[in-house]
Protein backbone atom coordinates (compact mmCIF):
# COMPACT_ATOMS: atom_id res chain seq x y z
CA LYS A 1 12.47 -9.95 14.12
CA ALA A 2 13.89 -11.88 11.24
CA GLY A 3 15.86 -8.84 10.08
CA LEU A 4 13.59 -8.20 7.07
CA LYS A 5 12.70 -4.70 5.96
CA VAL A 6 9.45 -3.96 4.20
CA HIS A 7 8.89 -1.33 1.47
CA ALA A 8 5.46 -0.36 0.17
CA TRP A 9 5.35 -0.81 -3.62
CA PHE A 10 3.11 1.63 -5.57
CA GLU A 11 3.12 -0.54 -8.62
CA PHE A 12 0.06 0.86 -10.48
CA GLY A 13 1.36 4.38 -10.24
CA PHE A 14 -0.28 6.92 -12.58
CA SER A 15 -2.34 4.39 -14.52
CA TYR A 16 -5.99 4.14 -13.60
CA GLY A 17 -7.25 1.06 -15.50
CA TYR A 18 -6.24 -2.03 -17.36
CA LYS A 19 -8.01 -3.14 -20.49
CA ASP A 20 -11.74 -3.70 -19.89
CA SER A 21 -11.59 -1.81 -16.57
CA ALA A 22 -10.68 1.44 -18.23
CA ASN A 23 -14.09 3.04 -18.52
CA LYS A 24 -15.11 2.37 -14.95
CA GLY A 25 -14.48 4.00 -11.63
CA TRP A 26 -11.86 6.64 -11.90
CA LEU A 27 -12.55 7.69 -15.45
CA GLN A 28 -16.27 8.11 -14.78
CA LYS A 29 -15.62 10.18 -11.62
CA TYR A 30 -12.70 12.29 -12.90
CA PRO A 31 -12.86 12.42 -16.78
CA GLU A 32 -10.76 15.60 -16.73
CA TRP A 33 -7.89 13.66 -15.32
CA ALA A 34 -7.54 11.28 -18.24
CA GLY A 35 -4.42 11.50 -20.32
CA ARG A 36 -4.80 12.12 -24.07
CA ASN A 37 -2.59 11.35 -27.10
CA ALA A 38 -2.08 13.63 -30.18
CA LYS A 39 -5.42 12.35 -31.67
CA GLY A 40 -7.33 13.32 -28.48
CA GLU A 41 -7.84 9.63 -27.61
CA LEU A 42 -7.53 8.19 -24.14
CA LEU A 43 -3.84 7.61 -23.37
CA GLN A 44 -3.15 3.86 -23.47
CA LYS A 45 0.00 1.74 -23.62
CA ASN A 46 0.45 -2.01 -23.24
CA GLY A 47 -3.10 -2.41 -22.02
CA PHE A 48 -2.85 0.24 -19.36
CA PHE A 49 -4.90 3.48 -19.37
CA TRP A 50 -3.16 6.51 -17.95
CA TRP A 51 -4.08 9.72 -16.25
CA ASN A 52 -2.48 12.94 -17.20
CA ALA A 53 0.19 12.59 -14.60
CA ILE A 54 1.28 16.25 -15.06
CA ASN A 55 -2.09 17.42 -13.65
CA PRO A 56 -1.44 18.62 -10.07
CA GLU A 57 -4.72 17.09 -8.80
CA VAL A 58 -3.55 13.69 -9.98
CA GLN A 59 -0.11 14.26 -8.49
CA GLN A 60 -1.77 15.31 -5.19
CA LEU A 61 -3.79 12.00 -5.03
CA LEU A 62 -0.67 9.88 -5.45
CA THR A 63 1.24 11.98 -2.94
CA GLU A 64 -1.60 11.60 -0.39
CA LEU A 65 -1.65 7.82 -0.94
CA VAL A 66 2.08 7.52 -0.39
CA LEU A 67 2.11 9.77 2.70
CA GLU A 68 -0.86 7.92 4.17
CA VAL A 69 1.22 4.70 4.18
CA VAL A 70 4.33 6.52 5.54
CA LYS A 71 2.41 8.06 8.36
CA ASN A 72 0.24 5.15 9.37
CA TYR A 73 2.50 2.10 8.85
CA LYS A 74 6.05 1.38 9.93
CA VAL A 75 7.35 0.64 6.45
CA ASP A 76 11.10 1.00 5.88
CA GLY A 77 10.59 2.56 2.51
CA ILE A 78 8.30 3.32 -0.38
CA GLN A 79 8.86 2.44 -4.08
CA GLY A 80 7.63 3.92 -7.38
CA ASP A 81 7.60 1.57 -10.28
CA ASP A 82 7.86 2.14 -14.06
CA ARG A 83 4.51 3.88 -13.66
CA LEU A 84 5.53 6.23 -10.87
CA PRO A 85 6.59 8.85 -11.62
CA ALA A 86 5.85 8.21 -15.24
CA MET A 87 3.53 8.64 -18.23
CA PRO A 88 3.66 7.35 -21.77
CA ALA A 89 5.58 9.73 -23.91
CA GLU A 90 2.63 9.73 -26.31
CA GLY A 91 0.69 11.83 -23.78
CA GLY A 92 0.53 15.52 -23.24
CA TYR A 93 -2.46 16.46 -25.33
CA ASP A 94 -5.11 16.89 -22.65
CA ASN A 95 -6.53 20.37 -22.08
CA TYR A 96 -4.51 20.98 -18.88
CA THR A 97 -1.11 20.05 -20.38
CA ILE A 98 -1.78 21.96 -23.61
CA ALA A 99 -2.59 25.15 -21.56
CA LEU A 100 0.60 24.59 -19.40
CA TYR A 101 2.72 24.09 -22.49
CA LYS A 102 1.37 27.35 -24.04
CA LYS A 103 2.12 29.20 -20.80
CA ASP A 104 5.74 27.92 -20.85
CA HIS A 105 6.21 28.54 -24.56
CA LYS A 106 4.84 32.02 -25.23
CA GLY A 107 1.48 30.75 -26.51
CA ALA A 108 2.92 28.08 -28.83
CA THR A 109 0.95 24.77 -28.97
CA PRO A 110 2.63 21.43 -28.36
CA PRO A 111 4.27 19.77 -31.41
CA ALA A 112 2.23 17.25 -33.27
CA ASN A 113 5.03 14.69 -32.76
CA ALA A 114 4.79 13.50 -29.18
CA LYS A 115 8.35 12.20 -29.41
CA ASP A 116 9.83 15.55 -30.40
CA SER A 117 13.07 15.79 -28.28
CA ALA A 118 12.28 19.19 -26.77
CA PHE A 119 8.74 18.12 -25.95
CA ILE A 120 10.08 14.93 -24.29
CA ASN A 121 12.47 17.04 -22.26
CA TRP A 122 9.75 19.41 -21.18
CA LYS A 123 7.49 16.55 -20.08
CA ALA A 124 10.19 14.62 -18.43
CA GLY A 125 11.13 17.77 -16.46
CA LYS A 126 7.67 17.78 -14.93
CA PHE A 127 8.27 14.28 -13.56
CA ASN A 128 11.69 15.20 -12.32
CA ALA A 129 10.01 17.95 -10.30
CA PHE A 130 7.29 15.59 -9.00
CA GLY A 131 9.81 12.91 -7.99
CA LYS A 132 11.78 15.55 -6.03
CA ALA A 133 8.64 16.88 -4.40
CA LEU A 134 7.41 13.38 -3.36
CA TYR A 135 10.85 12.55 -2.02
CA THR A 136 10.90 15.71 0.03
CA ALA A 137 7.38 15.13 1.39
CA VAL A 138 8.26 11.60 2.45
CA LYS A 139 11.41 12.72 4.24
CA LYS A 140 9.57 15.56 5.94
CA THR A 141 6.99 13.09 7.19
CA ARG A 142 9.48 10.46 8.31
CA LYS A 143 13.15 11.11 7.65
CA GLU A 144 14.30 7.44 7.88
CA CYS A 145 11.82 6.19 5.33
CA LEU A 146 13.64 5.32 2.08
CA VAL A 147 12.43 6.49 -1.29
CA THR A 148 13.28 4.04 -4.06
CA TRP A 149 12.37 3.78 -7.79
CA ALA A 150 12.25 0.88 -10.21
CA PRO A 151 12.25 2.34 -13.77
CA SER A 152 13.23 0.76 -17.12
CA LEU A 153 16.73 1.17 -18.49
CA TYR A 154 17.74 4.69 -19.52
CA PRO A 155 17.43 6.21 -22.10
CA TRP A 156 14.54 4.03 -23.09
CA SER A 157 12.80 4.88 -19.87
CA LYS A 158 12.85 8.57 -20.79
CA GLU A 159 11.98 8.08 -24.43
CA GLN A 160 9.01 5.86 -23.71
CA TYR A 161 7.83 6.86 -20.18
CA LEU A 162 9.47 10.21 -19.42
CA GLN A 163 11.58 8.72 -16.59
CA ASP A 164 14.87 10.63 -16.60
CA TRP A 165 16.03 8.66 -13.60
CA PRO A 166 19.80 9.43 -13.78
CA ALA A 167 18.69 13.01 -12.96
CA TRP A 168 16.89 11.73 -9.87
CA VAL A 169 20.03 10.04 -8.62
CA ALA A 170 22.21 13.05 -9.40
CA GLY A 171 19.66 15.41 -7.90
CA GLY A 172 19.63 13.53 -4.53
CA TYR A 173 15.99 12.40 -4.61
CA ALA A 174 16.58 8.67 -5.06
CA ASP A 175 17.79 6.65 -2.12
CA MET A 176 17.96 3.56 -4.34
CA VAL A 177 17.12 2.81 -7.99
CA PHE A 178 16.33 -0.68 -9.37
CA PRO A 179 16.51 -0.56 -13.23
CA GLN A 180 14.42 -3.36 -14.74
CA LEU A 181 16.98 -5.48 -16.60
CA TYR A 182 14.52 -8.19 -17.41
CA ARG A 183 16.08 -10.72 -19.84
CA TYR A 184 15.79 -14.42 -20.49
CA ASP A 185 19.37 -15.40 -21.36
CA ILE A 186 22.80 -14.51 -20.12
CA LYS A 187 24.04 -12.82 -23.30
CA ALA A 188 21.10 -10.45 -23.50
CA TYR A 189 21.47 -9.76 -19.78
CA GLU A 190 25.11 -8.88 -20.03
CA ARG A 191 24.43 -6.64 -23.06
CA ILE A 192 21.93 -4.59 -21.12
CA LEU A 193 23.97 -4.65 -17.99
CA LYS A 194 26.84 -3.07 -19.95
CA GLU A 195 24.49 -0.31 -20.93
CA LEU A 196 23.61 0.31 -17.33
CA ASP A 197 27.24 0.28 -16.34
CA ALA A 198 28.06 2.91 -18.95
CA ILE A 199 25.54 5.37 -17.48
CA VAL A 200 26.09 4.82 -13.72
CA PRO A 201 29.22 6.42 -12.29
CA THR A 202 31.12 4.44 -9.69
CA SER A 203 30.06 6.91 -7.04
CA TYR A 204 26.41 6.03 -7.58
CA LYS A 205 26.80 2.25 -7.60
CA ASN A 206 25.86 2.09 -3.96
CA LYS A 207 22.40 3.31 -4.96
CA VAL A 208 21.75 1.39 -8.22
CA PHE A 209 20.83 -2.26 -8.12
CA PRO A 210 19.87 -4.20 -11.24
CA GLY A 211 16.44 -5.82 -11.39
CA ILE A 212 16.46 -9.51 -12.44
CA LEU A 213 13.38 -11.30 -13.88
CA THR A 214 12.91 -14.49 -11.86
CA SER A 215 9.35 -15.39 -12.82
CA LEU A 216 6.55 -14.15 -15.05
CA GLY A 217 2.98 -15.40 -14.63
CA ASP A 218 2.67 -19.16 -14.97
CA GLY A 219 5.01 -19.49 -17.95
CA TYR A 220 8.48 -18.57 -16.77
CA ARG A 221 10.79 -19.49 -13.90
CA VAL A 222 14.44 -18.60 -14.03
CA LYS A 223 16.84 -21.58 -13.86
CA PRO A 224 19.06 -21.45 -10.75
CA GLU A 225 22.18 -21.55 -12.95
CA LEU A 226 21.06 -18.51 -14.98
CA LEU A 227 20.18 -16.59 -11.75
CA GLN A 228 23.65 -17.31 -10.42
CA GLN A 229 25.28 -16.16 -13.60
CA MET A 230 23.37 -12.89 -13.67
CA MET A 231 24.31 -12.19 -10.03
CA GLU A 232 28.00 -12.93 -10.78
CA LEU A 233 27.86 -10.49 -13.71
CA ASN A 234 26.44 -7.83 -11.41
CA ARG A 235 29.45 -8.19 -9.18
CA LYS A 236 31.78 -8.17 -12.15
CA TYR A 237 30.50 -4.79 -13.21
CA GLY A 238 30.61 -3.32 -9.72
CA PHE A 239 26.96 -3.64 -8.65
CA LYS A 240 26.70 -4.84 -5.08
CA GLY A 241 23.26 -6.24 -5.05
CA GLU A 242 20.11 -6.92 -7.09
CA VAL A 243 16.32 -7.05 -6.88
CA TRP A 244 14.37 -10.16 -7.95
CA PHE A 245 11.08 -9.74 -9.70
CA TYR A 246 8.92 -11.36 -8.53
């Protein structure tokens, strides 16, 4: 009635635990789903533990979670975060992904360097395919439901989390994208905004809206003057809106 629209935010994405919660619940029930790094260790980054998000069973679970919301609630959209679709680039060494890589590369094993450019491209391609499949499934369920993504800035997003989001926009499976331009001063913000401007064609600026950090825990609140300056810079560079987190 107030004119607001509500999007369901699938913030945890393909991670299954955080710090001391990592060895409980999901990991005990589905150990074969766990992501692994080149040493065979559980895939962990910034405190989060991750599934092997290339595993079709894991992808099916996330798809079912999203579609359950789309079917049963009148949300105006759904949103994937910097963990959906995503996985730390250090991953790809679990049994399933190794076997899939061998199948795609005439029996060759994955390179020891997880950041090998060809390996990054191969893994990122799997998430491009998943993003497209999830977008298609949502639209098939309820056409008017928007599908939006909130990744980090490209190419860091691809290099670190396998999120090649410009391909999602170009491929037509992103109704809106909200790159996380989280900075604490205006010079740093304009520097990263210029990077975004350089990779977003004018024709896509009606789909890309910068993410602004407005608060973080109990320690940070953006000053109104800084918020106003960041919004004005967004307009200067041709972006017609923004997202505030959080």
